[in-house]
Amino acid sequence: MNFIGCDVSKKKLDCALIRAERPEARLHKVVPNTPEGVTTLLNWVKDKAKCDDIGAFHAVLEATGPYHEIAAESLFSAGCKVSVVNPAYTKSFAQSLGVKTKTDHTDAETLARYAMLVQPPVWQPPPPQYRQLQTLQARKQALETDLQRERNRLEKQEATRSEPLVVESIRRMIQHLETERQVLELALETHVQAHPDLSRDRGLLQSIQGVGAVVSTLLLPILQPGRFKDAPQAAAYLGLVPIEHQSGTSVNGRPRLSKAGNATVRAKLYMAAIVAARYNPDVKALYQRLLLKGKSKMSALGACMGKLVHICFGVLKHQSVYSPKTA
């Protein structure tokens, strides 16, 4: 196996190649971050490795917003093994190797070494319907954030003797954002209804007490089939696993949620957990049991959020409506 490390930026890919027959020698090349640039990269690695089988190459890229997507999809479509990894993992990996310099050149070489030594799981692009749904959701969340900011500005302006023109400007912006949000909500609903698998899965999620229309639609692309091997992995992705800090007798910190991943999703799950702790038999039993053990309400709700994700994962995995296990 030959290993490619790709340091991704907006306009270019800094790449390092570790060949199977000469792993001690690292080759470097810079190509544009375009499909044509990826084609140039593949021709270069095949020539340098003296190997025409693109399946004998494993490329590793960091998840860098939208900029890694073109390269990852182009490499995958060409038949190359691709891994998209968390930048925090590769940063810790570089520190463990004693790498002190940070340049695009050294980052690419670190990624190639990470691919060779760790061999992370192979990535696959999400199905188009899930990707489109995630794009629509991201835009809707951005509009809601902008809308809340404008409302806050209007509140401040109305609390003072403000210029009427400024107040009217803010109100026009709020009205425009409200209209755009309604358009996005309609587009989301139309998209889900147009795909039977999405509509079916959303119905299964909504059979769970505490999971409504907003949370179920939000979880669809996150819990898409094949993304996670089990429910604990899904909960860890959402930052809902406890992190302990204990060593010997002198260090005994309180466990806390890792809070990795999307904070907006966790905020929605928090509200869902509050409802589930009252009306969902399984979540309610967990919540009351933790309170009896002396846990704080916030800590118990954090556990309920994780429990809710486990239930959602199970419902989608088994393709069956929710059936409480607690009487």
Protein backbone atom coordinates (compact mmCIF):
# COMPACT_ATOMS: atom_id res chain seq x y z
CA MET A 1 0.00 0.00 0.00
CA ASN A 2 1.18 3.51 -0.88
CA PHE A 3 0.13 6.43 1.32
CA ILE A 4 -0.77 9.99 0.34
CA GLY A 5 -1.06 12.88 2.79
CA CYS A 6 -3.04 15.86 1.47
CA ASP A 7 -2.92 19.15 3.35
CA VAL A 8 -6.02 20.97 2.10
CA SER A 9 -6.42 24.69 1.63
CA LYS A 10 -8.90 26.72 -0.39
CA LYS A 11 -6.86 26.85 -3.60
CA LYS A 12 -4.27 24.06 -3.41
CA LEU A 13 -3.39 20.62 -2.11
CA ASP A 14 0.05 20.10 -0.60
CA CYS A 15 0.66 16.37 -0.99
CA ALA A 16 3.25 13.92 0.34
CA LEU A 17 3.74 10.38 -0.98
CA ILE A 18 5.14 7.43 0.95
CA ARG A 19 5.82 4.52 -1.40
CA ALA A 20 5.52 0.88 -0.39
CA GLU A 21 9.00 -0.08 -1.63
CA ARG A 22 10.78 2.97 -0.17
CA PRO A 23 8.87 4.19 2.91
CA GLU A 24 11.85 6.16 4.18
CA ALA A 25 11.80 8.49 1.14
CA ARG A 26 8.98 11.08 1.00
CA LEU A 27 8.02 12.85 -2.22
CA HIS A 28 6.08 16.09 -2.39
CA LYS A 29 3.86 17.82 -4.92
CA VAL A 30 1.46 20.78 -4.93
CA VAL A 31 -1.65 20.72 -7.15
CA PRO A 32 -4.74 22.94 -7.44
CA ASN A 33 -7.70 22.00 -5.24
CA THR A 34 -9.86 21.11 -8.24
CA PRO A 35 -10.91 17.85 -9.94
CA GLU A 36 -8.27 18.52 -12.59
CA GLY A 37 -5.67 19.01 -9.87
CA VAL A 38 -6.61 15.67 -8.30
CA THR A 39 -6.22 13.99 -11.71
CA THR A 40 -2.73 15.49 -11.97
CA LEU A 41 -1.96 14.19 -8.48
CA LEU A 42 -3.11 10.66 -9.31
CA ASN A 43 -1.02 10.55 -12.47
CA TRP A 44 1.99 11.75 -10.46
CA VAL A 45 1.64 9.18 -7.66
CA LYS A 46 1.14 6.32 -10.13
CA ASP A 47 4.28 7.38 -11.97
CA LYS A 48 6.39 7.78 -8.83
CA ALA A 49 5.17 4.56 -7.21
CA LYS A 50 5.42 2.61 -10.48
CA CYS A 51 1.90 1.35 -9.82
CA ASP A 52 -1.14 1.74 -12.10
CA ASP A 53 -3.60 0.28 -9.56
CA ILE A 54 -5.14 3.31 -7.90
CA GLY A 55 -6.68 1.00 -5.30
CA ALA A 56 -3.17 0.48 -3.93
CA PHE A 57 -3.13 4.09 -2.66
CA HIS A 58 -4.56 5.32 0.64
CA ALA A 59 -5.05 9.09 0.90
CA VAL A 60 -5.67 10.95 4.16
CA LEU A 61 -7.17 14.44 4.35
CA GLU A 62 -8.25 16.57 7.28
CA ALA A 63 -11.86 17.70 7.56
CA THR A 64 -11.50 21.40 6.70
CA GLY A 65 -15.01 22.76 6.26
CA PRO A 66 -16.10 22.49 2.62
CA TYR A 67 -12.62 22.67 1.10
CA HIS A 68 -11.74 18.98 1.44
CA GLU A 69 -14.90 17.73 -0.25
CA ILE A 70 -13.81 18.14 -3.88
CA ALA A 71 -10.52 16.34 -3.30
CA ALA A 72 -12.07 13.56 -1.21
CA GLU A 73 -14.86 12.86 -3.70
CA SER A 74 -12.53 13.01 -6.70
CA LEU A 75 -10.06 10.59 -5.08
CA PHE A 76 -12.88 8.25 -4.05
CA SER A 77 -14.44 8.32 -7.53
CA ALA A 78 -11.06 7.41 -9.04
CA GLY A 79 -10.89 4.28 -6.86
CA CYS A 80 -8.43 5.50 -4.24
CA LYS A 81 -8.93 4.63 -0.58
CA VAL A 82 -9.76 7.86 1.25
CA SER A 83 -9.87 8.77 4.93
CA VAL A 84 -11.18 12.10 6.20
CA VAL A 85 -9.88 12.57 9.73
CA ASN A 86 -10.39 14.97 12.61
CA PRO A 87 -7.61 17.63 12.63
CA ALA A 88 -7.34 17.25 16.42
CA TYR A 89 -6.22 13.63 15.94
CA THR A 90 -3.50 14.49 13.47
CA LYS A 91 -2.34 17.40 15.64
CA SER A 92 -1.89 15.05 18.59
CA PHE A 93 -0.19 12.55 16.29
CA ALA A 94 2.31 15.19 15.13
CA GLN A 95 3.04 16.15 18.74
CA SER A 96 3.67 12.50 19.62
CA LEU A 97 6.25 12.36 16.82
CA GLY A 98 7.97 15.48 18.14
CA VAL A 99 7.14 17.56 15.05
CA LYS A 100 7.65 21.19 16.00
CA THR A 101 7.50 22.87 12.59
CA LYS A 102 4.12 23.68 11.08
CA THR A 103 4.09 24.27 7.35
CA ASP A 104 1.96 22.89 4.54
CA HIS A 105 4.93 20.72 3.58
CA THR A 106 5.36 19.15 7.02
CA ASP A 107 1.58 18.83 7.53
CA ALA A 108 1.28 16.80 4.34
CA GLU A 109 4.13 14.53 5.41
CA THR A 110 2.56 14.08 8.86
CA LEU A 111 -0.73 13.05 7.23
CA ALA A 112 1.07 10.51 5.05
CA ARG A 113 2.79 9.05 8.12
CA TYR A 114 -0.54 9.02 9.93
CA ALA A 115 -2.03 7.05 7.05
CA MET A 116 0.84 4.54 7.12
CA LEU A 117 1.01 4.01 10.89
CA VAL A 118 -2.61 4.41 11.98
CA GLN A 119 -4.45 3.40 8.80
CA PRO A 120 -7.71 5.19 9.72
CA PRO A 121 -11.11 3.93 8.56
CA VAL A 122 -11.97 4.38 4.91
CA TRP A 123 -14.38 7.21 4.15
CA GLN A 124 -17.34 7.04 1.80
CA PRO A 125 -19.28 10.03 0.49
CA PRO A 126 -22.80 10.33 1.92
CA PRO A 127 -25.75 9.54 -0.37
CA PRO A 128 -26.93 12.62 -2.31
CA GLN A 129 -30.26 12.92 -0.49
CA TYR A 130 -28.52 13.10 2.91
CA ARG A 131 -25.97 15.60 1.69
CA GLN A 132 -28.66 17.85 0.22
CA LEU A 133 -30.63 17.61 3.46
CA GLN A 134 -27.56 18.58 5.49
CA THR A 135 -26.91 21.57 3.20
CA LEU A 136 -30.50 22.80 3.59
CA GLN A 137 -30.28 22.39 7.37
CA ALA A 138 -27.00 24.28 7.57
CA ARG A 139 -28.49 27.18 5.64
CA LYS A 140 -31.61 27.21 7.83
CA GLN A 141 -29.48 27.27 11.00
CA ALA A 142 -27.44 30.15 9.60
CA LEU A 143 -30.62 32.11 8.86
CA GLU A 144 -31.93 31.46 12.38
CA THR A 145 -28.65 32.72 13.84
CA ASP A 146 -28.81 35.90 11.74
CA LEU A 147 -32.46 36.36 12.65
CA GLN A 148 -31.72 36.18 16.38
CA ARG A 149 -28.90 38.70 15.98
CA GLU A 150 -31.22 41.16 14.24
CA ARG A 151 -33.86 40.71 16.94
CA ASN A 152 -31.25 41.46 19.59
CA ARG A 153 -30.22 44.59 17.70
CA LEU A 154 -33.85 45.71 17.43
CA GLU A 155 -34.34 45.23 21.17
CA LYS A 156 -31.30 47.38 21.93
CA GLN A 157 -32.38 50.10 19.50
CA GLU A 158 -35.92 50.22 20.89
CA ALA A 159 -34.56 50.51 24.44
CA THR A 160 -32.85 53.78 23.54
CA ARG A 161 -33.67 56.89 21.60
CA SER A 162 -32.57 55.46 18.32
CA GLU A 163 -32.67 56.85 14.80
CA PRO A 164 -36.02 55.75 13.22
CA LEU A 165 -34.25 54.90 9.98
CA VAL A 166 -32.06 52.38 11.80
CA VAL A 167 -35.05 50.73 13.47
CA GLU A 168 -36.88 50.45 10.15
CA SER A 169 -33.79 48.96 8.52
CA ILE A 170 -33.57 46.28 11.19
CA ARG A 171 -37.28 45.49 10.90
CA ARG A 172 -36.99 45.11 7.12
CA MET A 173 -34.06 42.75 7.60
CA ILE A 174 -36.01 40.68 10.14
CA GLN A 175 -38.94 40.41 7.76
CA HIS A 176 -36.64 39.35 4.92
CA LEU A 177 -34.91 36.72 7.08
CA GLU A 178 -38.29 35.39 8.26
CA THR A 179 -39.36 34.98 4.64
CA GLU A 180 -36.14 33.20 3.72
CA ARG A 181 -36.48 30.89 6.71
CA GLN A 182 -40.00 29.94 5.64
CA VAL A 183 -38.69 29.18 2.14
CA LEU A 184 -35.99 26.92 3.62
CA GLU A 185 -38.49 25.15 5.89
CA LEU A 186 -40.71 24.43 2.89
CA ALA A 187 -37.69 23.20 0.89
CA LEU A 188 -36.67 20.89 3.77
CA GLU A 189 -40.15 19.41 4.04
CA THR A 190 -40.40 18.97 0.27
CA HIS A 191 -37.01 17.27 0.16
CA VAL A 192 -37.89 14.81 2.93
CA GLN A 193 -41.25 13.99 1.37
CA ALA A 194 -39.60 13.44 -2.03
CA HIS A 195 -37.39 10.64 -0.64
CA PRO A 196 -39.31 7.69 0.87
CA ASP A 197 -36.34 6.53 2.95
CA LEU A 198 -36.00 9.93 4.61
CA SER A 199 -39.73 10.22 5.20
CA ARG A 200 -39.88 6.71 6.68
CA ASP A 201 -36.90 7.26 8.99
CA ARG A 202 -38.26 10.59 10.20
CA GLY A 203 -41.54 8.89 11.06
CA LEU A 204 -39.67 6.25 13.05
CA LEU A 205 -37.77 8.91 14.98
CA GLN A 206 -40.95 10.82 15.76
CA SER A 207 -42.42 7.67 17.34
CA ILE A 208 -40.03 8.37 20.25
CA GLN A 209 -41.52 10.55 22.99
CA GLY A 210 -39.39 13.71 23.13
CA VAL A 211 -38.30 13.65 19.48
CA GLY A 212 -40.32 16.07 17.39
CA ALA A 213 -40.19 17.32 13.83
CA VAL A 214 -37.16 19.57 14.32
CA VAL A 215 -34.94 17.06 16.13
CA SER A 216 -35.93 14.14 13.89
CA THR A 217 -35.07 16.08 10.72
CA LEU A 218 -31.84 17.28 12.30
CA LEU A 219 -30.77 13.72 13.19
CA LEU A 220 -31.53 12.17 9.79
CA PRO A 221 -28.20 13.05 8.09
CA ILE A 222 -26.24 12.47 11.30
CA LEU A 223 -27.60 8.95 11.86
CA GLN A 224 -27.64 7.99 8.19
CA PRO A 225 -27.18 4.25 7.51
CA GLY A 226 -23.61 2.97 7.73
CA ARG A 227 -22.11 6.11 9.27
CA PHE A 228 -21.66 4.68 12.77
CA LYS A 229 -21.09 1.07 13.77
CA ASP A 230 -22.99 1.40 17.06
CA ALA A 231 -24.94 3.83 19.24
CA PRO A 232 -22.02 4.75 21.57
CA GLN A 233 -20.03 5.90 18.54
CA ALA A 234 -22.92 8.13 17.46
CA ALA A 235 -23.20 9.57 20.99
CA ALA A 236 -19.44 10.21 21.05
CA TYR A 237 -19.66 12.03 17.70
CA LEU A 238 -22.29 14.35 19.19
CA GLY A 239 -20.18 15.00 22.29
CA LEU A 240 -22.49 13.16 24.68
CA VAL A 241 -20.03 10.77 26.33
CA PRO A 242 -18.60 11.45 29.81
CA ILE A 243 -14.94 12.42 30.07
CA GLU A 244 -13.29 11.47 33.34
CA HIS A 245 -10.26 13.20 34.90
CA GLN A 246 -8.82 10.96 37.61
CA SER A 247 -5.34 9.81 38.53
CA GLY A 248 -4.09 8.32 41.79
CA THR A 249 -5.38 9.95 44.96
CA SER A 250 -4.65 13.61 44.22
CA VAL A 251 -6.50 14.06 40.92
CA ASN A 252 -10.21 13.33 41.06
CA GLY A 253 -12.05 15.71 38.79
CA ARG A 254 -15.78 15.54 38.14
CA PRO A 255 -16.82 13.76 34.92
CA ARG A 256 -18.16 16.05 32.21
CA LEU A 257 -19.53 15.73 28.70
CA SER A 258 -16.92 15.87 25.98
CA LYS A 259 -19.00 18.46 24.04
CA ALA A 260 -17.35 17.49 20.77
CA GLY A 261 -19.18 18.04 17.51
CA ASN A 262 -22.02 20.38 16.64
CA ALA A 263 -23.16 22.56 19.54
CA THR A 264 -26.42 23.45 17.76
CA VAL A 265 -27.45 19.80 17.58
CA ARG A 266 -26.65 19.34 21.27
CA ALA A 267 -28.78 22.37 22.14
CA LYS A 268 -31.75 20.85 20.30
CA LEU A 269 -31.14 17.48 21.96
CA TYR A 270 -31.06 19.18 25.36
CA MET A 271 -34.56 20.54 24.87
CA ALA A 272 -35.68 17.13 23.59
CA ALA A 273 -34.18 15.47 26.68
CA ILE A 274 -36.15 17.80 28.98
CA VAL A 275 -39.37 16.66 27.32
CA ALA A 276 -38.28 13.00 27.24
CA ALA A 277 -37.41 13.06 30.95
CA ARG A 278 -41.10 13.73 31.62
CA TYR A 279 -42.89 11.70 28.96
CA ASN A 280 -40.53 8.99 27.67
CA PRO A 281 -40.65 5.94 30.01
CA ASP A 282 -37.06 4.80 29.41
CA VAL A 283 -35.53 8.27 29.63
CA LYS A 284 -37.70 9.17 32.62
CA ALA A 285 -36.57 6.05 34.50
CA LEU A 286 -32.93 6.90 33.83
CA TYR A 287 -33.41 10.51 34.91
CA GLN A 288 -35.09 9.58 38.20
CA ARG A 289 -32.55 6.85 38.94
CA LEU A 290 -29.65 9.29 38.53
CA LEU A 291 -31.32 11.89 40.72
CA LEU A 292 -31.78 9.28 43.46
CA LYS A 293 -28.06 8.54 43.23
CA GLY A 294 -27.33 12.18 44.02
CA LYS A 295 -26.51 13.39 40.51
CA SER A 296 -27.30 16.97 39.63
CA LYS A 297 -30.21 17.71 37.31
CA MET A 298 -27.84 18.96 34.62
CA SER A 299 -25.73 15.81 34.84
CA ALA A 300 -28.83 13.63 34.67
CA LEU A 301 -30.11 15.53 31.62
CA GLY A 302 -26.75 15.01 29.92
CA ALA A 303 -27.16 11.26 30.41
CA CYS A 304 -30.72 11.53 29.08
CA MET A 305 -29.41 13.19 25.92
CA GLY A 306 -27.09 10.24 25.36
CA LYS A 307 -29.92 7.79 26.08
CA LEU A 308 -32.11 9.55 23.55
CA VAL A 309 -29.43 9.22 20.87
CA HIS A 310 -29.09 5.50 21.69
CA ILE A 311 -32.83 5.05 21.26
CA CYS A 312 -32.83 6.97 17.97
CA PHE A 313 -29.95 4.87 16.66
CA GLY A 314 -31.72 1.63 17.61
CA VAL A 315 -35.00 2.66 16.01
CA LEU A 316 -33.28 3.45 12.70
CA LYS A 317 -31.04 0.39 12.81
CA HIS A 318 -33.92 -2.05 13.35
CA GLN A 319 -36.38 -0.02 11.25
CA SER A 320 -39.12 -0.36 13.83
CA VAL A 321 -41.20 2.14 15.80
CA TYR A 322 -40.14 2.89 19.34
CA SER A 323 -41.34 0.45 22.00
CA PRO A 324 -40.47 1.42 25.59
CA LYS A 325 -38.65 -1.19 27.66
CA THR A 326 -39.71 0.40 30.95
CA ALA A 327 -43.26 -0.15 32.12
